[in-house]
Full PDB file with SEQRES, HELIX, SHEET, SSBOND, CRYST1, ORIGX, SCALE, CONECT and MASTER records, all heavy atoms in Angstrom:
SEQRES   1 A   35  ALA THR ALA PHE SER GLN PHE ALA TYR GLU TYR TYR ASP          
SEQRES   2 A   35  ASP ASP THR VAL SER PRO ILE ASP ALA ALA SER THR CYS          
SEQRES   3 A   35  GLN LEU ASN TYR ALA ILE VAL ILE GLY                          
HELIX    1 AA1 THR A    2  ASP A   13  1                                  12    
CRYST1    1.000    1.000    1.000  90.00  90.00  90.00 P 1           1          
ORIGX1      1.000000  0.000000  0.000000        0.00000                         
ORIGX2      0.000000  1.000000  0.000000        0.00000                         
ORIGX3      0.000000  0.000000  1.000000        0.00000                         
SCALE1      1.000000  0.000000  0.000000        0.00000                         
SCALE2      0.000000  1.000000  0.000000        0.00000                         
SCALE3      0.000000  0.000000  1.000000        0.00000                         
ATOM      1  N   ALA A   1       6.838  15.402 -10.065  1.00  0.00           N  
ATOM      2  CA  ALA A   1       7.614  15.654  -8.852  1.00  0.00           C  
ATOM      3  C   ALA A   1       8.526  14.477  -8.522  1.00  0.00           C  
ATOM      4  O   ALA A   1       9.612  14.669  -7.973  1.00  0.00           O  
ATOM      5  CB  ALA A   1       6.685  15.961  -7.684  1.00  0.00           C  
ATOM      6  N   THR A   2       8.100  13.273  -8.861  1.00  0.00           N  
ATOM      7  CA  THR A   2       8.954  12.113  -8.619  1.00  0.00           C  
ATOM      8  C   THR A   2      10.266  12.254  -9.381  1.00  0.00           C  
ATOM      9  O   THR A   2      11.329  11.907  -8.864  1.00  0.00           O  
ATOM     10  CB  THR A   2       8.225  10.812  -9.030  1.00  0.00           C  
ATOM     11  OG1 THR A   2       6.994  10.733  -8.319  1.00  0.00           O  
ATOM     12  CG2 THR A   2       9.062   9.585  -8.728  1.00  0.00           C  
ATOM     13  N   ALA A   3      10.205  12.798 -10.588  1.00  0.00           N  
ATOM     14  CA  ALA A   3      11.417  12.957 -11.397  1.00  0.00           C  
ATOM     15  C   ALA A   3      12.387  13.938 -10.745  1.00  0.00           C  
ATOM     16  O   ALA A   3      13.577  13.656 -10.628  1.00  0.00           O  
ATOM     17  CB  ALA A   3      11.061  13.401 -12.809  1.00  0.00           C  
ATOM     18  N   PHE A   4      11.893  15.118 -10.298  1.00  0.00           N  
ATOM     19  CA  PHE A   4      12.841  16.074  -9.717  1.00  0.00           C  
ATOM     20  C   PHE A   4      13.380  15.596  -8.374  1.00  0.00           C  
ATOM     21  O   PHE A   4      14.541  15.825  -8.056  1.00  0.00           O  
ATOM     22  CB  PHE A   4      12.312  17.511  -9.665  1.00  0.00           C  
ATOM     23  CG  PHE A   4      11.220  17.838  -8.679  1.00  0.00           C  
ATOM     24  CD1 PHE A   4      11.433  17.824  -7.311  1.00  0.00           C  
ATOM     25  CD2 PHE A   4       9.974  18.241  -9.136  1.00  0.00           C  
ATOM     26  CE1 PHE A   4      10.432  18.170  -6.417  1.00  0.00           C  
ATOM     27  CE2 PHE A   4       8.965  18.597  -8.254  1.00  0.00           C  
ATOM     28  CZ  PHE A   4       9.200  18.557  -6.884  1.00  0.00           C  
ATOM     29  N   SER A   5      12.557  14.880  -7.606  1.00  0.00           N  
ATOM     30  CA  SER A   5      13.047  14.390  -6.319  1.00  0.00           C  
ATOM     31  C   SER A   5      14.075  13.274  -6.519  1.00  0.00           C  
ATOM     32  O   SER A   5      15.085  13.220  -5.829  1.00  0.00           O  
ATOM     33  CB  SER A   5      11.899  13.914  -5.439  1.00  0.00           C  
ATOM     34  OG  SER A   5      11.240  12.805  -6.016  1.00  0.00           O  
ATOM     35  N   GLN A   6      13.823  12.408  -7.483  1.00  0.00           N  
ATOM     36  CA  GLN A   6      14.756  11.328  -7.777  1.00  0.00           C  
ATOM     37  C   GLN A   6      16.055  11.884  -8.350  1.00  0.00           C  
ATOM     38  O   GLN A   6      17.150  11.444  -7.993  1.00  0.00           O  
ATOM     39  CB  GLN A   6      14.124  10.351  -8.762  1.00  0.00           C  
ATOM     40  CG  GLN A   6      15.000   9.164  -9.072  1.00  0.00           C  
ATOM     41  CD  GLN A   6      14.292   8.169  -9.985  1.00  0.00           C  
ATOM     42  OE1 GLN A   6      13.107   8.295 -10.274  1.00  0.00           O  
ATOM     43  NE2 GLN A   6      15.031   7.187 -10.424  1.00  0.00           N  
ATOM     44  N   PHE A   7      15.956  12.873  -9.212  1.00  0.00           N  
ATOM     45  CA  PHE A   7      17.143  13.493  -9.796  1.00  0.00           C  
ATOM     46  C   PHE A   7      18.013  14.109  -8.693  1.00  0.00           C  
ATOM     47  O   PHE A   7      19.231  13.925  -8.675  1.00  0.00           O  
ATOM     48  CB  PHE A   7      16.715  14.552 -10.816  1.00  0.00           C  
ATOM     49  CG  PHE A   7      17.830  15.066 -11.660  1.00  0.00           C  
ATOM     50  CD1 PHE A   7      18.337  14.313 -12.706  1.00  0.00           C  
ATOM     51  CD2 PHE A   7      18.383  16.314 -11.425  1.00  0.00           C  
ATOM     52  CE1 PHE A   7      19.365  14.776 -13.496  1.00  0.00           C  
ATOM     53  CE2 PHE A   7      19.414  16.791 -12.210  1.00  0.00           C  
ATOM     54  CZ  PHE A   7      19.908  16.022 -13.249  1.00  0.00           C  
ATOM     55  N   ALA A   8      17.384  14.812  -7.740  1.00  0.00           N  
ATOM     56  CA  ALA A   8      18.129  15.420  -6.633  1.00  0.00           C  
ATOM     57  C   ALA A   8      18.788  14.348  -5.774  1.00  0.00           C  
ATOM     58  O   ALA A   8      19.973  14.455  -5.424  1.00  0.00           O  
ATOM     59  CB  ALA A   8      17.201  16.292  -5.795  1.00  0.00           C  
ATOM     60  N   TYR A   9      18.036  13.300  -5.441  1.00  0.00           N  
ATOM     61  CA  TYR A   9      18.593  12.243  -4.597  1.00  0.00           C  
ATOM     62  C   TYR A   9      19.787  11.577  -5.281  1.00  0.00           C  
ATOM     63  O   TYR A   9      20.838  11.381  -4.674  1.00  0.00           O  
ATOM     64  CB  TYR A   9      17.537  11.199  -4.235  1.00  0.00           C  
ATOM     65  CG  TYR A   9      18.045  10.238  -3.199  1.00  0.00           C  
ATOM     66  CD1 TYR A   9      17.907  10.527  -1.847  1.00  0.00           C  
ATOM     67  CD2 TYR A   9      18.707   9.073  -3.560  1.00  0.00           C  
ATOM     68  CE1 TYR A   9      18.407   9.672  -0.877  1.00  0.00           C  
ATOM     69  CE2 TYR A   9      19.215   8.215  -2.602  1.00  0.00           C  
ATOM     70  CZ  TYR A   9      19.057   8.519  -1.266  1.00  0.00           C  
ATOM     71  OH  TYR A   9      19.575   7.667  -0.316  1.00  0.00           O  
ATOM     72  N   GLU A  10      19.626  11.229  -6.538  1.00  0.00           N  
ATOM     73  CA  GLU A  10      20.706  10.555  -7.261  1.00  0.00           C  
ATOM     74  C   GLU A  10      21.934  11.454  -7.413  1.00  0.00           C  
ATOM     75  O   GLU A  10      23.066  10.983  -7.350  1.00  0.00           O  
ATOM     76  CB  GLU A  10      20.212  10.067  -8.619  1.00  0.00           C  
ATOM     77  CG  GLU A  10      19.252   8.893  -8.493  1.00  0.00           C  
ATOM     78  CD  GLU A  10      18.643   8.463  -9.818  1.00  0.00           C  
ATOM     79  OE1 GLU A  10      18.925   9.107 -10.867  1.00  0.00           O  
ATOM     80  OE2 GLU A  10      17.857   7.497  -9.811  1.00  0.00           O  
ATOM     81  N   TYR A  11      21.726  12.748  -7.585  1.00  0.00           N  
ATOM     82  CA  TYR A  11      22.844  13.685  -7.701  1.00  0.00           C  
ATOM     83  C   TYR A  11      23.666  13.697  -6.415  1.00  0.00           C  
ATOM     84  O   TYR A  11      24.881  13.545  -6.435  1.00  0.00           O  
ATOM     85  CB  TYR A  11      22.325  15.091  -8.021  1.00  0.00           C  
ATOM     86  CG  TYR A  11      23.380  16.162  -7.926  1.00  0.00           C  
ATOM     87  CD1 TYR A  11      24.375  16.278  -8.897  1.00  0.00           C  
ATOM     88  CD2 TYR A  11      23.390  17.067  -6.869  1.00  0.00           C  
ATOM     89  CE1 TYR A  11      25.346  17.261  -8.819  1.00  0.00           C  
ATOM     90  CE2 TYR A  11      24.348  18.055  -6.785  1.00  0.00           C  
ATOM     91  CZ  TYR A  11      25.330  18.146  -7.760  1.00  0.00           C  
ATOM     92  OH  TYR A  11      26.288  19.119  -7.668  1.00  0.00           O  
ATOM     93  N   TYR A  12      22.998  13.860  -5.283  1.00  0.00           N  
ATOM     94  CA  TYR A  12      23.725  13.938  -4.016  1.00  0.00           C  
ATOM     95  C   TYR A  12      24.257  12.586  -3.567  1.00  0.00           C  
ATOM     96  O   TYR A  12      25.220  12.524  -2.812  1.00  0.00           O  
ATOM     97  CB  TYR A  12      22.843  14.542  -2.926  1.00  0.00           C  
ATOM     98  CG  TYR A  12      22.768  16.042  -3.020  1.00  0.00           C  
ATOM     99  CD1 TYR A  12      21.646  16.673  -3.536  1.00  0.00           C  
ATOM    100  CD2 TYR A  12      23.826  16.836  -2.597  1.00  0.00           C  
ATOM    101  CE1 TYR A  12      21.581  18.048  -3.631  1.00  0.00           C  
ATOM    102  CE2 TYR A  12      23.775  18.213  -2.688  1.00  0.00           C  
ATOM    103  CZ  TYR A  12      22.648  18.816  -3.207  1.00  0.00           C  
ATOM    104  OH  TYR A  12      22.596  20.171  -3.298  1.00  0.00           O  
ATOM    105  N   ASP A  13      23.662  11.492  -4.008  1.00  0.00           N  
ATOM    106  CA  ASP A  13      24.089  10.158  -3.610  1.00  0.00           C  
ATOM    107  C   ASP A  13      25.196   9.598  -4.501  1.00  0.00           C  
ATOM    108  O   ASP A  13      25.766   8.560  -4.192  1.00  0.00           O  
ATOM    109  CB  ASP A  13      22.884   9.205  -3.616  1.00  0.00           C  
ATOM    110  CG  ASP A  13      23.172   7.899  -2.896  1.00  0.00           C  
ATOM    111  OD1 ASP A  13      23.796   7.937  -1.814  1.00  0.00           O  
ATOM    112  OD2 ASP A  13      22.761   6.843  -3.412  1.00  0.00           O  
ATOM    113  N   ASP A  14      25.514  10.280  -5.594  1.00  0.00           N  
ATOM    114  CA  ASP A  14      26.523   9.807  -6.548  1.00  0.00           C  
ATOM    115  C   ASP A  14      27.900  10.339  -6.134  1.00  0.00           C  
ATOM    116  O   ASP A  14      28.149  11.540  -6.178  1.00  0.00           O  
ATOM    117  CB  ASP A  14      26.159  10.297  -7.944  1.00  0.00           C  
ATOM    118  CG  ASP A  14      27.085   9.754  -9.021  1.00  0.00           C  
ATOM    119  OD1 ASP A  14      28.262   9.435  -8.722  1.00  0.00           O  
ATOM    120  OD2 ASP A  14      26.643   9.662 -10.174  1.00  0.00           O  
ATOM    121  N   ASP A  15      28.790   9.436  -5.737  1.00  0.00           N  
ATOM    122  CA  ASP A  15      30.114   9.840  -5.252  1.00  0.00           C  
ATOM    123  C   ASP A  15      30.956  10.573  -6.290  1.00  0.00           C  
ATOM    124  O   ASP A  15      31.873  11.301  -5.932  1.00  0.00           O  
ATOM    125  CB  ASP A  15      30.892   8.616  -4.759  1.00  0.00           C  
ATOM    126  CG  ASP A  15      30.281   8.018  -3.501  1.00  0.00           C  
ATOM    127  OD1 ASP A  15      29.590   8.753  -2.776  1.00  0.00           O  
ATOM    128  OD2 ASP A  15      30.481   6.811  -3.265  1.00  0.00           O  
ATOM    129  N   THR A  16      30.667  10.395  -7.564  1.00  0.00           N  
ATOM    130  CA  THR A  16      31.502  11.036  -8.585  1.00  0.00           C  
ATOM    131  C   THR A  16      31.089  12.484  -8.869  1.00  0.00           C  
ATOM    132  O   THR A  16      31.909  13.264  -9.323  1.00  0.00           O  
ATOM    133  CB  THR A  16      31.471  10.247  -9.910  1.00  0.00           C  
ATOM    134  OG1 THR A  16      30.131  10.198 -10.397  1.00  0.00           O  
ATOM    135  CG2 THR A  16      32.014   8.844  -9.723  1.00  0.00           C  
ATOM    136  N   VAL A  17      29.847  12.845  -8.599  1.00  0.00           N  
ATOM    137  CA  VAL A  17      29.412  14.219  -8.892  1.00  0.00           C  
ATOM    138  C   VAL A  17      28.939  14.989  -7.662  1.00  0.00           C  
ATOM    139  O   VAL A  17      28.858  16.211  -7.691  1.00  0.00           O  
ATOM    140  CB  VAL A  17      28.286  14.262  -9.959  1.00  0.00           C  
ATOM    141  CG1 VAL A  17      28.780  13.724 -11.280  1.00  0.00           C  
ATOM    142  CG2 VAL A  17      27.041  13.537  -9.500  1.00  0.00           C  
ATOM    143  N   SER A  18      28.626  14.301  -6.597  1.00  0.00           N  
ATOM    144  CA  SER A  18      28.069  14.960  -5.419  1.00  0.00           C  
ATOM    145  C   SER A  18      29.035  15.983  -4.835  1.00  0.00           C  
ATOM    146  O   SER A  18      30.229  15.719  -4.703  1.00  0.00           O  
ATOM    147  CB  SER A  18      27.731  13.929  -4.343  1.00  0.00           C  
ATOM    148  OG  SER A  18      27.258  14.575  -3.184  1.00  0.00           O  
ATOM    149  N   PRO A  19      28.531  17.144  -4.441  1.00  0.00           N  
ATOM    150  CA  PRO A  19      29.387  18.148  -3.798  1.00  0.00           C  
ATOM    151  C   PRO A  19      29.621  17.877  -2.314  1.00  0.00           C  
ATOM    152  O   PRO A  19      30.334  18.608  -1.651  1.00  0.00           O  
ATOM    153  CB  PRO A  19      28.599  19.446  -4.000  1.00  0.00           C  
ATOM    154  CG  PRO A  19      27.175  19.009  -4.012  1.00  0.00           C  
ATOM    155  CD  PRO A  19      27.187  17.659  -4.697  1.00  0.00           C  
ATOM    156  N   ILE A  20      29.016  16.811  -1.793  1.00  0.00           N  
ATOM    157  CA  ILE A  20      29.164  16.512  -0.365  1.00  0.00           C  
ATOM    158  C   ILE A  20      30.589  16.080  -0.066  1.00  0.00           C  
ATOM    159  O   ILE A  20      31.134  15.184  -0.701  1.00  0.00           O  
ATOM    160  CB  ILE A  20      28.164  15.425   0.080  1.00  0.00           C  
ATOM    161  CG1 ILE A  20      26.737  15.960  -0.039  1.00  0.00           C  
ATOM    162  CG2 ILE A  20      28.457  14.973   1.508  1.00  0.00           C  
ATOM    163  CD1 ILE A  20      25.666  14.933   0.254  1.00  0.00           C  
ATOM    164  N   ASP A  21      31.190  16.738   0.924  1.00  0.00           N  
ATOM    165  CA  ASP A  21      32.527  16.401   1.390  1.00  0.00           C  
ATOM    166  C   ASP A  21      32.373  15.714   2.742  1.00  0.00           C  
ATOM    167  O   ASP A  21      32.078  16.365   3.744  1.00  0.00           O  
ATOM    168  CB  ASP A  21      33.366  17.670   1.518  1.00  0.00           C  
ATOM    169  CG  ASP A  21      34.769  17.411   2.047  1.00  0.00           C  
ATOM    170  OD1 ASP A  21      35.117  16.232   2.302  1.00  0.00           O  
ATOM    171  OD2 ASP A  21      35.524  18.389   2.212  1.00  0.00           O  
ATOM    172  N   ALA A  22      32.533  14.409   2.765  1.00  0.00           N  
ATOM    173  CA  ALA A  22      32.311  13.627   3.987  1.00  0.00           C  
ATOM    174  C   ALA A  22      33.243  14.062   5.118  1.00  0.00           C  
ATOM    175  O   ALA A  22      32.921  13.889   6.293  1.00  0.00           O  
ATOM    176  CB  ALA A  22      32.483  12.145   3.703  1.00  0.00           C  
ATOM    177  N   ALA A  23      34.387  14.647   4.789  1.00  0.00           N  
ATOM    178  CA  ALA A  23      35.344  15.074   5.805  1.00  0.00           C  
ATOM    179  C   ALA A  23      34.957  16.408   6.446  1.00  0.00           C  
ATOM    180  O   ALA A  23      35.486  16.771   7.486  1.00  0.00           O  
ATOM    181  CB  ALA A  23      36.737  15.190   5.186  1.00  0.00           C  
ATOM    182  N   SER A  24      34.038  17.123   5.833  1.00  0.00           N  
ATOM    183  CA  SER A  24      33.621  18.419   6.360  1.00  0.00           C  
ATOM    184  C   SER A  24      32.459  18.234   7.327  1.00  0.00           C  
ATOM    185  O   SER A  24      31.402  17.725   6.959  1.00  0.00           O  
ATOM    186  CB  SER A  24      33.192  19.342   5.208  1.00  0.00           C  
ATOM    187  OG  SER A  24      32.705  20.557   5.726  1.00  0.00           O  
ATOM    188  N   THR A  25      32.669  18.658   8.565  1.00  0.00           N  
ATOM    189  CA  THR A  25      31.619  18.494   9.572  1.00  0.00           C  
ATOM    190  C   THR A  25      30.634  19.651   9.595  1.00  0.00           C  
ATOM    191  O   THR A  25      29.588  19.552  10.232  1.00  0.00           O  
ATOM    192  CB  THR A  25      32.244  18.354  10.975  1.00  0.00           C  
ATOM    193  OG1 THR A  25      33.026  19.522  11.244  1.00  0.00           O  
ATOM    194  CG2 THR A  25      33.108  17.102  11.053  1.00  0.00           C  
ATOM    195  N   CYS A  26      30.947  20.743   8.910  1.00  0.00           N  
ATOM    196  CA  CYS A  26      30.061  21.898   8.979  1.00  0.00           C  
ATOM    197  C   CYS A  26      29.417  22.230   7.625  1.00  0.00           C  
ATOM    198  O   CYS A  26      28.753  23.252   7.493  1.00  0.00           O  
ATOM    199  CB  CYS A  26      30.811  23.120   9.500  1.00  0.00           C  
ATOM    200  SG  CYS A  26      32.164  23.659   8.438  1.00  0.00           S  
ATOM    201  N   GLN A  27      29.597  21.387   6.642  1.00  0.00           N  
ATOM    202  CA  GLN A  27      29.042  21.637   5.309  1.00  0.00           C  
ATOM    203  C   GLN A  27      27.524  21.509   5.330  1.00  0.00           C  
ATOM    204  O   GLN A  27      26.973  20.591   5.927  1.00  0.00           O  
ATOM    205  CB  GLN A  27      29.632  20.655   4.301  1.00  0.00           C  
ATOM    206  CG  GLN A  27      29.120  20.862   2.894  1.00  0.00           C  
ATOM    207  CD  GLN A  27      29.728  19.881   1.898  1.00  0.00           C  
ATOM    208  OE1 GLN A  27      30.490  18.994   2.249  1.00  0.00           O  
ATOM    209  NE2 GLN A  27      29.396  20.048   0.646  1.00  0.00           N  
ATOM    210  N   LEU A  28      26.877  22.443   4.680  1.00  0.00           N  
ATOM    211  CA  LEU A  28      25.432  22.397   4.513  1.00  0.00           C  
ATOM    212  C   LEU A  28      25.127  22.159   3.044  1.00  0.00           C  
ATOM    213  O   LEU A  28      25.778  22.718   2.173  1.00  0.00           O  
ATOM    214  CB  LEU A  28      24.795  23.723   4.943  1.00  0.00           C  
ATOM    215  CG  LEU A  28      24.988  24.127   6.396  1.00  0.00           C  
ATOM    216  CD1 LEU A  28      24.418  25.517   6.632  1.00  0.00           C  
ATOM    217  CD2 LEU A  28      24.331  23.129   7.317  1.00  0.00           C  
ATOM    218  N   ASN A  29      24.123  21.331   2.787  1.00  0.00           N  
ATOM    219  CA  ASN A  29      23.734  21.038   1.411  1.00  0.00           C  
ATOM    220  C   ASN A  29      22.236  21.229   1.264  1.00  0.00           C  
ATOM    221  O   ASN A  29      21.461  20.764   2.100  1.00  0.00           O  
ATOM    222  CB  ASN A  29      24.124  19.600   1.044  1.00  0.00           C  
ATOM    223  CG  ASN A  29      25.624  19.426   1.032  1.00  0.00           C  
ATOM    224  OD1 ASN A  29      26.296  19.911   0.149  1.00  0.00           O  
ATOM    225  ND2 ASN A  29      26.155  18.767   2.043  1.00  0.00           N  
ATOM    226  N   TYR A  30      21.858  21.906   0.201  1.00  0.00           N  
ATOM    227  CA  TYR A  30      20.453  22.203  -0.067  1.00  0.00           C  
ATOM    228  C   TYR A  30      20.121  21.891  -1.512  1.00  0.00           C  
ATOM    229  O   TYR A  30      20.933  22.129  -2.408  1.00  0.00           O  
ATOM    230  CB  TYR A  30      20.155  23.690   0.175  1.00  0.00           C  
ATOM    231  CG  TYR A  30      20.073  24.062   1.630  1.00  0.00           C  
ATOM    232  CD1 TYR A  30      21.216  24.306   2.373  1.00  0.00           C  
ATOM    233  CD2 TYR A  30      18.850  24.160   2.275  1.00  0.00           C  
ATOM    234  CE1 TYR A  30      21.146  24.647   3.714  1.00  0.00           C  
ATOM    235  CE2 TYR A  30      18.766  24.500   3.617  1.00  0.00           C  
ATOM    236  CZ  TYR A  30      19.920  24.744   4.328  1.00  0.00           C  
ATOM    237  OH  TYR A  30      19.836  25.071   5.656  1.00  0.00           O  
ATOM    238  N   ALA A  31      18.917  21.406  -1.711  1.00  0.00           N  
ATOM    239  CA  ALA A  31      18.326  21.316  -3.049  1.00  0.00           C  
ATOM    240  C   ALA A  31      17.248  22.394  -3.071  1.00  0.00           C  
ATOM    241  O   ALA A  31      16.570  22.624  -2.066  1.00  0.00           O  
ATOM    242  CB  ALA A  31      17.711  19.940  -3.273  1.00  0.00           C  
ATOM    243  N   ILE A  32      17.106  23.062  -4.193  1.00  0.00           N  
ATOM    244  CA  ILE A  32      16.092  24.106  -4.320  1.00  0.00           C  
ATOM    245  C   ILE A  32      15.147  23.724  -5.444  1.00  0.00           C  
ATOM    246  O   ILE A  32      15.579  23.479  -6.570  1.00  0.00           O  
ATOM    247  CB  ILE A  32      16.732  25.480  -4.598  1.00  0.00           C  
ATOM    248  CG1 ILE A  32      17.697  25.859  -3.471  1.00  0.00           C  
ATOM    249  CG2 ILE A  32      15.646  26.544  -4.767  1.00  0.00           C  
ATOM    250  CD1 ILE A  32      18.480  27.133  -3.725  1.00  0.00           C  
ATOM    251  N   VAL A  33      13.859  23.655  -5.123  1.00  0.00           N  
ATOM    252  CA  VAL A  33      12.819  23.337  -6.102  1.00  0.00           C  
ATOM    253  C   VAL A  33      12.052  24.625  -6.366  1.00  0.00           C  
ATOM    254  O   VAL A  33      11.528  25.243  -5.443  1.00  0.00           O  
ATOM    255  CB  VAL A  33      11.860  22.251  -5.562  1.00  0.00           C  
ATOM    256  CG1 VAL A  33      10.697  22.036  -6.521  1.00  0.00           C  
ATOM    257  CG2 VAL A  33      12.611  20.952  -5.316  1.00  0.00           C  
ATOM    258  N   ILE A  34      12.013  25.030  -7.627  1.00  0.00           N  
ATOM    259  CA  ILE A  34      11.283  26.229  -8.026  1.00  0.00           C  
ATOM    260  C   ILE A  34      10.222  25.812  -9.028  1.00  0.00           C  
ATOM    261  O   ILE A  34      10.525  25.137 -10.007  1.00  0.00           O  
ATOM    262  CB  ILE A  34      12.223  27.274  -8.671  1.00  0.00           C  
ATOM    263  CG1 ILE A  34      13.343  27.652  -7.695  1.00  0.00           C  
ATOM    264  CG2 ILE A  34      11.441  28.513  -9.104  1.00  0.00           C  
ATOM    265  CD1 ILE A  34      14.425  28.528  -8.301  1.00  0.00           C  
ATOM    266  N   GLY A  35       8.983  26.182  -8.799  1.00  0.00           N  
ATOM    267  CA  GLY A  35       7.928  25.804  -9.728  1.00  0.00           C  
ATOM    268  C   GLY A  35       6.611  26.453  -9.388  1.00  0.00           C  
ATOM    269  O   GLY A  35       6.548  27.406  -8.604  1.00  0.00           O  
TER     270      GLY A  35                                                      
MASTER        0    0    0    1    0    0    0    6  269    1    0    3          
END                                                                             
């Protein structure tokens, strides 16, 4: 579980790949864990 949680955190925290748009005030972001 540490691997999937770290992978998700690093994905969203990486400015080059993250889908987060800092200029968007209404954007919602979700990670989905299936197992």
